[in-house]
Protein backbone atom coordinates (compact mmCIF):
# COMPACT_ATOMS: atom_id res chain seq x y z
CA UNK A 1 0.00 0.00 0.00
CA UNK A 2 3.00 2.32 0.50
CA UNK A 3 3.78 2.38 -3.23
CA UNK A 4 0.14 3.05 -4.05
CA UNK A 5 0.08 5.87 -1.50
CA UNK A 6 3.20 7.54 -2.91
CA UNK A 7 1.92 7.27 -6.49
CA UNK A 8 -1.47 8.64 -5.39
CA UNK A 9 0.18 11.61 -3.63
CA UNK A 10 2.20 12.54 -6.69
CA UNK A 11 -0.74 12.15 -9.06
CA UNK A 12 -3.15 14.07 -6.83
CA UNK A 13 -0.72 16.95 -6.32
CA UNK A 14 -0.18 17.32 -10.09
CA UNK A 15 -3.92 17.06 -10.72
CA UNK A 16 -4.79 19.70 -8.10
CA UNK A 17 -2.25 22.10 -9.60
CA UNK A 18 -3.55 21.42 -13.13
CA UNK A 19 -7.07 22.23 -11.87
CA UNK A 20 -5.87 25.62 -10.62
CA UNK A 21 -5.82 24.76 -6.92
CA UNK A 22 -3.30 26.71 -4.87
CA UNK A 23 -1.21 23.90 -3.43
CA UNK A 24 2.50 23.29 -2.97
CA UNK A 25 4.66 20.62 -1.39
CA UNK A 26 6.70 22.39 1.32
CA UNK A 27 9.44 19.81 1.83
CA UNK A 28 11.03 19.22 5.23
CA UNK A 29 10.40 21.68 8.04
CA UNK A 30 11.69 21.74 11.64
CA UNK A 31 9.55 22.20 14.76
CA UNK A 32 10.71 24.36 17.70
CA UNK A 33 11.77 21.12 19.45
CA UNK A 34 13.93 20.16 16.48
CA UNK A 35 11.54 17.56 15.04
CA UNK A 36 11.71 17.27 11.27
CA UNK A 37 8.27 17.05 9.66
CA UNK A 38 6.92 17.31 6.14
CA UNK A 39 3.27 18.03 5.41
CA UNK A 40 2.11 16.68 2.08
CA UNK A 41 0.79 20.07 0.99
CA UNK A 42 0.31 23.68 1.90
CA UNK A 43 -3.13 24.69 0.63
CA UNK A 44 -4.71 28.11 0.13
CA UNK A 45 -8.42 27.44 -0.13
CA UNK A 46 -11.16 29.45 -1.85
CA UNK A 47 -11.62 31.58 1.28
CA UNK A 48 -7.86 32.39 1.28
CA UNK A 49 -7.35 30.23 4.39
CA UNK A 50 -3.95 28.63 4.82
CA UNK A 51 -4.41 24.90 5.39
CA UNK A 52 -2.19 21.92 6.00
CA UNK A 53 -2.96 19.33 3.33
CA UNK A 54 -2.57 15.64 4.08
CA UNK A 55 -3.08 12.91 1.49
CA UNK A 56 -4.09 9.51 2.83
CA UNK A 57 -4.58 6.13 1.18
CA UNK A 58 -6.21 3.40 3.23
CA UNK A 59 -7.86 -0.01 3.04
CA UNK A 60 -10.13 0.96 5.96
CA UNK A 61 -13.85 1.34 5.32
CA UNK A 62 -15.18 4.68 4.15
CA UNK A 63 -18.35 4.26 6.25
CA UNK A 64 -17.12 6.42 9.14
CA UNK A 65 -14.95 8.64 6.98
CA UNK A 66 -12.15 10.15 9.02
CA UNK A 67 -14.31 10.44 12.12
CA UNK A 68 -13.83 6.91 13.39
CA UNK A 69 -11.19 5.96 15.97
CA UNK A 70 -9.16 4.15 13.31
CA UNK A 71 -8.33 7.56 11.81
CA UNK A 72 -7.14 9.13 15.08
CA UNK A 73 -3.56 8.71 13.83
CA UNK A 74 -4.37 10.97 10.85
CA UNK A 75 -5.68 13.67 13.17
CA UNK A 76 -2.72 13.38 15.57
CA UNK A 77 -0.29 13.93 12.70
CA UNK A 78 -2.32 16.68 11.05
CA UNK A 79 -2.81 18.54 14.35
CA UNK A 80 0.96 18.55 14.90
CA UNK A 81 1.58 20.00 11.47
CA UNK A 82 -1.15 22.61 12.04
CA UNK A 83 0.27 23.56 15.44
CA UNK A 84 3.82 23.93 14.17
CA UNK A 85 2.63 25.80 11.06
CA UNK A 86 0.42 28.11 13.15
CA UNK A 87 -2.89 27.35 11.44
CA UNK A 88 -6.00 25.63 12.81
CA UNK A 89 -7.08 24.59 9.31
CA UNK A 90 -6.42 21.32 7.52
CA UNK A 91 -7.64 19.54 4.42
CA UNK A 92 -7.45 15.77 4.39
CA UNK A 93 -7.66 14.05 1.02
CA UNK A 94 -8.61 10.42 1.69
CA UNK A 95 -8.69 7.59 -0.82
CA UNK A 96 -10.54 4.61 0.63
CA UNK A 97 -9.28 1.85 -1.64
CA UNK A 98 -12.07 -0.58 -0.79
CA UNK A 99 -14.85 1.94 -0.40
CA UNK A 100 -17.32 1.08 2.31
CA UNK A 101 -16.86 -2.71 1.89
CA UNK A 102 -20.34 -3.06 0.40
CA UNK A 103 -19.50 -4.59 -2.98
CA UNK A 104 -21.52 -7.75 -2.55
CA UNK A 105 -24.29 -5.97 -0.64
CA UNK A 106 -25.07 -3.78 -3.66
CA UNK A 107 -26.17 -6.79 -5.68
CA UNK A 108 -23.25 -6.98 -8.08
CA UNK A 109 -22.13 -10.38 -9.26
CA UNK A 110 -18.53 -11.30 -8.74
CA UNK A 111 -16.59 -12.21 -11.86
CA UNK A 112 -13.36 -12.97 -10.04
CA UNK A 113 -11.71 -9.76 -11.20
CA UNK A 114 -13.29 -7.13 -8.95
CA UNK A 115 -12.33 -6.44 -5.39
CA UNK A 116 -14.45 -8.40 -2.95
CA UNK A 117 -14.66 -5.37 -0.69
CA UNK A 118 -16.00 -2.47 -2.73
CA UNK A 119 -15.19 0.31 -5.13
CA UNK A 120 -12.62 2.98 -4.20
CA UNK A 121 -14.01 6.22 -2.78
CA UNK A 122 -12.21 9.56 -2.74
CA UNK A 123 -13.28 12.12 -0.16
CA UNK A 124 -12.00 15.54 0.87
CA UNK A 125 -12.46 16.84 4.41
CA UNK A 126 -11.90 20.40 5.59
CA UNK A 127 -11.12 20.34 9.29
CA UNK A 128 -10.76 23.15 11.83
CA UNK A 129 -9.03 22.33 15.10
CA UNK A 130 -9.33 24.36 18.30
CA UNK A 131 -6.26 26.12 19.73
CA UNK A 132 -6.40 24.10 22.96
CA UNK A 133 -6.84 20.86 21.02
CA UNK A 134 -3.72 21.63 18.97
CA UNK A 135 -1.67 22.55 22.02
CA UNK A 136 -2.72 19.45 24.00
CA UNK A 137 -1.97 17.19 21.03
CA UNK A 138 1.50 18.70 20.58
CA UNK A 139 2.25 18.36 24.30
CA UNK A 140 1.09 14.73 24.32
CA UNK A 141 3.32 13.81 21.39
CA UNK A 142 6.35 15.70 22.72
CA UNK A 143 5.91 14.15 26.20
CA UNK A 144 5.68 10.70 24.63
CA UNK A 145 8.84 11.32 22.60
CA UNK A 146 10.68 12.54 25.70
CA UNK A 147 9.51 9.53 27.74
CA UNK A 148 10.98 7.27 25.04
CA UNK A 149 14.20 9.36 24.91
CA UNK A 150 13.48 10.30 21.33
CA UNK A 151 13.96 13.95 22.22
C-alpha atoms as a PDB file:
ATOM      1  CA  UNK A   1       0.000   0.000   0.000  1.00  0.00           C
ATOM      2  CA  UNK A   2       2.996   2.319   0.497  1.00  0.00           C
ATOM      3  CA  UNK A   3       3.781   2.383  -3.228  1.00  0.00           C
ATOM      4  CA  UNK A   4       0.137   3.051  -4.049  1.00  0.00           C
ATOM      5  CA  UNK A   5       0.076   5.873  -1.499  1.00  0.00           C
ATOM      6  CA  UNK A   6       3.196   7.535  -2.907  1.00  0.00           C
ATOM      7  CA  UNK A   7       1.924   7.269  -6.485  1.00  0.00           C
ATOM      8  CA  UNK A   8      -1.472   8.644  -5.395  1.00  0.00           C
ATOM      9  CA  UNK A   9       0.176  11.607  -3.626  1.00  0.00           C
ATOM     10  CA  UNK A  10       2.200  12.539  -6.694  1.00  0.00           C
ATOM     11  CA  UNK A  11      -0.737  12.148  -9.064  1.00  0.00           C
ATOM     12  CA  UNK A  12      -3.152  14.071  -6.832  1.00  0.00           C
ATOM     13  CA  UNK A  13      -0.722  16.952  -6.315  1.00  0.00           C
ATOM     14  CA  UNK A  14      -0.183  17.315 -10.089  1.00  0.00           C
ATOM     15  CA  UNK A  15      -3.924  17.063 -10.716  1.00  0.00           C
ATOM     16  CA  UNK A  16      -4.792  19.698  -8.101  1.00  0.00           C
ATOM     17  CA  UNK A  17      -2.247  22.099  -9.602  1.00  0.00           C
ATOM     18  CA  UNK A  18      -3.555  21.417 -13.132  1.00  0.00           C
ATOM     19  CA  UNK A  19      -7.072  22.230 -11.874  1.00  0.00           C
ATOM     20  CA  UNK A  20      -5.865  25.624 -10.619  1.00  0.00           C
ATOM     21  CA  UNK A  21      -5.818  24.761  -6.920  1.00  0.00           C
ATOM     22  CA  UNK A  22      -3.297  26.706  -4.869  1.00  0.00           C
ATOM     23  CA  UNK A  23      -1.212  23.897  -3.425  1.00  0.00           C
ATOM     24  CA  UNK A  24       2.496  23.294  -2.972  1.00  0.00           C
ATOM     25  CA  UNK A  25       4.663  20.623  -1.387  1.00  0.00           C
ATOM     26  CA  UNK A  26       6.701  22.395   1.323  1.00  0.00           C
ATOM     27  CA  UNK A  27       9.436  19.805   1.833  1.00  0.00           C
ATOM     28  CA  UNK A  28      11.031  19.216   5.227  1.00  0.00           C
ATOM     29  CA  UNK A  29      10.404  21.677   8.044  1.00  0.00           C
ATOM     30  CA  UNK A  30      11.691  21.740  11.635  1.00  0.00           C
ATOM     31  CA  UNK A  31       9.553  22.200  14.759  1.00  0.00           C
ATOM     32  CA  UNK A  32      10.712  24.361  17.699  1.00  0.00           C
ATOM     33  CA  UNK A  33      11.769  21.124  19.453  1.00  0.00           C
ATOM     34  CA  UNK A  34      13.928  20.159  16.484  1.00  0.00           C
ATOM     35  CA  UNK A  35      11.541  17.561  15.041  1.00  0.00           C
ATOM     36  CA  UNK A  36      11.713  17.268  11.269  1.00  0.00           C
ATOM     37  CA  UNK A  37       8.274  17.054   9.662  1.00  0.00           C
ATOM     38  CA  UNK A  38       6.925  17.305   6.145  1.00  0.00           C
ATOM     39  CA  UNK A  39       3.274  18.028   5.412  1.00  0.00           C
ATOM     40  CA  UNK A  40       2.107  16.678   2.082  1.00  0.00           C
ATOM     41  CA  UNK A  41       0.792  20.075   0.986  1.00  0.00           C
ATOM     42  CA  UNK A  42       0.310  23.684   1.898  1.00  0.00           C
ATOM     43  CA  UNK A  43      -3.129  24.693   0.628  1.00  0.00           C
ATOM     44  CA  UNK A  44      -4.705  28.109   0.130  1.00  0.00           C
ATOM     45  CA  UNK A  45      -8.419  27.435  -0.126  1.00  0.00           C
ATOM     46  CA  UNK A  46     -11.156  29.451  -1.854  1.00  0.00           C
ATOM     47  CA  UNK A  47     -11.617  31.578   1.276  1.00  0.00           C
ATOM     48  CA  UNK A  48      -7.862  32.395   1.284  1.00  0.00           C
ATOM     49  CA  UNK A  49      -7.351  30.234   4.386  1.00  0.00           C
ATOM     50  CA  UNK A  50      -3.946  28.625   4.824  1.00  0.00           C
ATOM     51  CA  UNK A  51      -4.411  24.901   5.392  1.00  0.00           C
ATOM     52  CA  UNK A  52      -2.188  21.923   5.997  1.00  0.00           C
ATOM     53  CA  UNK A  53      -2.962  19.335   3.326  1.00  0.00           C
ATOM     54  CA  UNK A  54      -2.572  15.638   4.081  1.00  0.00           C
ATOM     55  CA  UNK A  55      -3.080  12.913   1.487  1.00  0.00           C
ATOM     56  CA  UNK A  56      -4.094   9.513   2.834  1.00  0.00           C
ATOM     57  CA  UNK A  57      -4.583   6.133   1.179  1.00  0.00           C
ATOM     58  CA  UNK A  58      -6.207   3.398   3.226  1.00  0.00           C
ATOM     59  CA  UNK A  59      -7.864  -0.008   3.040  1.00  0.00           C
ATOM     60  CA  UNK A  60     -10.127   0.963   5.959  1.00  0.00           C
ATOM     61  CA  UNK A  61     -13.849   1.343   5.321  1.00  0.00           C
ATOM     62  CA  UNK A  62     -15.181   4.685   4.151  1.00  0.00           C
ATOM     63  CA  UNK A  63     -18.347   4.260   6.247  1.00  0.00           C
ATOM     64  CA  UNK A  64     -17.118   6.416   9.137  1.00  0.00           C
ATOM     65  CA  UNK A  65     -14.952   8.636   6.976  1.00  0.00           C
ATOM     66  CA  UNK A  66     -12.145  10.151   9.018  1.00  0.00           C
ATOM     67  CA  UNK A  67     -14.313  10.445  12.119  1.00  0.00           C
ATOM     68  CA  UNK A  68     -13.828   6.906  13.395  1.00  0.00           C
ATOM     69  CA  UNK A  69     -11.188   5.963  15.966  1.00  0.00           C
ATOM     70  CA  UNK A  70      -9.155   4.152  13.314  1.00  0.00           C
ATOM     71  CA  UNK A  71      -8.332   7.558  11.810  1.00  0.00           C
ATOM     72  CA  UNK A  72      -7.140   9.131  15.078  1.00  0.00           C
ATOM     73  CA  UNK A  73      -3.563   8.713  13.827  1.00  0.00           C
ATOM     74  CA  UNK A  74      -4.371  10.966  10.853  1.00  0.00           C
ATOM     75  CA  UNK A  75      -5.676  13.669  13.172  1.00  0.00           C
ATOM     76  CA  UNK A  76      -2.716  13.384  15.567  1.00  0.00           C
ATOM     77  CA  UNK A  77      -0.294  13.928  12.697  1.00  0.00           C
ATOM     78  CA  UNK A  78      -2.316  16.679  11.051  1.00  0.00           C
ATOM     79  CA  UNK A  79      -2.805  18.540  14.349  1.00  0.00           C
ATOM     80  CA  UNK A  80       0.959  18.554  14.903  1.00  0.00           C
ATOM     81  CA  UNK A  81       1.584  20.002  11.471  1.00  0.00           C
ATOM     82  CA  UNK A  82      -1.147  22.611  12.044  1.00  0.00           C
ATOM     83  CA  UNK A  83       0.273  23.561  15.437  1.00  0.00           C
ATOM     84  CA  UNK A  84       3.817  23.928  14.170  1.00  0.00           C
ATOM     85  CA  UNK A  85       2.625  25.803  11.060  1.00  0.00           C
ATOM     86  CA  UNK A  86       0.415  28.105  13.146  1.00  0.00           C
ATOM     87  CA  UNK A  87      -2.895  27.349  11.440  1.00  0.00           C
ATOM     88  CA  UNK A  88      -5.997  25.629  12.812  1.00  0.00           C
ATOM     89  CA  UNK A  89      -7.076  24.590   9.314  1.00  0.00           C
ATOM     90  CA  UNK A  90      -6.419  21.323   7.522  1.00  0.00           C
ATOM     91  CA  UNK A  91      -7.635  19.543   4.418  1.00  0.00           C
ATOM     92  CA  UNK A  92      -7.448  15.765   4.395  1.00  0.00           C
ATOM     93  CA  UNK A  93      -7.656  14.048   1.016  1.00  0.00           C
ATOM     94  CA  UNK A  94      -8.606  10.422   1.691  1.00  0.00           C
ATOM     95  CA  UNK A  95      -8.688   7.591  -0.823  1.00  0.00           C
ATOM     96  CA  UNK A  96     -10.535   4.607   0.629  1.00  0.00           C
ATOM     97  CA  UNK A  97      -9.281   1.846  -1.642  1.00  0.00           C
ATOM     98  CA  UNK A  98     -12.075  -0.581  -0.788  1.00  0.00           C
ATOM     99  CA  UNK A  99     -14.854   1.936  -0.401  1.00  0.00           C
ATOM    100  CA  UNK A 100     -17.323   1.079   2.305  1.00  0.00           C
ATOM    101  CA  UNK A 101     -16.863  -2.710   1.886  1.00  0.00           C
ATOM    102  CA  UNK A 102     -20.342  -3.059   0.398  1.00  0.00           C
ATOM    103  CA  UNK A 103     -19.505  -4.589  -2.984  1.00  0.00           C
ATOM    104  CA  UNK A 104     -21.522  -7.754  -2.549  1.00  0.00           C
ATOM    105  CA  UNK A 105     -24.287  -5.971  -0.640  1.00  0.00           C
ATOM    106  CA  UNK A 106     -25.073  -3.783  -3.664  1.00  0.00           C
ATOM    107  CA  UNK A 107     -26.175  -6.791  -5.675  1.00  0.00           C
ATOM    108  CA  UNK A 108     -23.248  -6.980  -8.084  1.00  0.00           C
ATOM    109  CA  UNK A 109     -22.127 -10.380  -9.264  1.00  0.00           C
ATOM    110  CA  UNK A 110     -18.531 -11.302  -8.742  1.00  0.00           C
ATOM    111  CA  UNK A 111     -16.588 -12.207 -11.859  1.00  0.00           C
ATOM    112  CA  UNK A 112     -13.364 -12.973 -10.043  1.00  0.00           C
ATOM    113  CA  UNK A 113     -11.714  -9.761 -11.202  1.00  0.00           C
ATOM    114  CA  UNK A 114     -13.286  -7.133  -8.955  1.00  0.00           C
ATOM    115  CA  UNK A 115     -12.326  -6.439  -5.387  1.00  0.00           C
ATOM    116  CA  UNK A 116     -14.449  -8.399  -2.950  1.00  0.00           C
ATOM    117  CA  UNK A 117     -14.664  -5.366  -0.689  1.00  0.00           C
ATOM    118  CA  UNK A 118     -16.002  -2.469  -2.726  1.00  0.00           C
ATOM    119  CA  UNK A 119     -15.185   0.307  -5.129  1.00  0.00           C
ATOM    120  CA  UNK A 120     -12.625   2.977  -4.201  1.00  0.00           C
ATOM    121  CA  UNK A 121     -14.010   6.218  -2.777  1.00  0.00           C
ATOM    122  CA  UNK A 122     -12.211   9.562  -2.739  1.00  0.00           C
ATOM    123  CA  UNK A 123     -13.276  12.122  -0.156  1.00  0.00           C
ATOM    124  CA  UNK A 124     -12.003  15.545   0.867  1.00  0.00           C
ATOM    125  CA  UNK A 125     -12.456  16.837   4.413  1.00  0.00           C
ATOM    126  CA  UNK A 126     -11.903  20.398   5.588  1.00  0.00           C
ATOM    127  CA  UNK A 127     -11.122  20.341   9.292  1.00  0.00           C
ATOM    128  CA  UNK A 128     -10.759  23.150  11.826  1.00  0.00           C
ATOM    129  CA  UNK A 129      -9.027  22.330  15.100  1.00  0.00           C
ATOM    130  CA  UNK A 130      -9.331  24.359  18.295  1.00  0.00           C
ATOM    131  CA  UNK A 131      -6.260  26.119  19.733  1.00  0.00           C
ATOM    132  CA  UNK A 132      -6.397  24.101  22.959  1.00  0.00           C
ATOM    133  CA  UNK A 133      -6.844  20.863  21.015  1.00  0.00           C
ATOM    134  CA  UNK A 134      -3.722  21.630  18.965  1.00  0.00           C
ATOM    135  CA  UNK A 135      -1.671  22.553  22.016  1.00  0.00           C
ATOM    136  CA  UNK A 136      -2.721  19.454  23.997  1.00  0.00           C
ATOM    137  CA  UNK A 137      -1.966  17.190  21.031  1.00  0.00           C
ATOM    138  CA  UNK A 138       1.502  18.698  20.583  1.00  0.00           C
ATOM    139  CA  UNK A 139       2.249  18.362  24.302  1.00  0.00           C
ATOM    140  CA  UNK A 140       1.088  14.734  24.322  1.00  0.00           C
ATOM    141  CA  UNK A 141       3.324  13.814  21.392  1.00  0.00           C
ATOM    142  CA  UNK A 142       6.350  15.703  22.720  1.00  0.00           C
ATOM    143  CA  UNK A 143       5.906  14.152  26.197  1.00  0.00           C
ATOM    144  CA  UNK A 144       5.684  10.703  24.634  1.00  0.00           C
ATOM    145  CA  UNK A 145       8.839  11.321  22.595  1.00  0.00           C
ATOM    146  CA  UNK A 146      10.681  12.540  25.703  1.00  0.00           C
ATOM    147  CA  UNK A 147       9.515   9.527  27.740  1.00  0.00           C
ATOM    148  CA  UNK A 148      10.983   7.268  25.044  1.00  0.00           C
ATOM    149  CA  UNK A 149      14.195   9.358  24.908  1.00  0.00           C
ATOM    150  CA  UNK A 150      13.479  10.296  21.332  1.00  0.00           C
ATOM    151  CA  UNK A 151      13.958  13.951  22.217  1.00  0.00           C
END
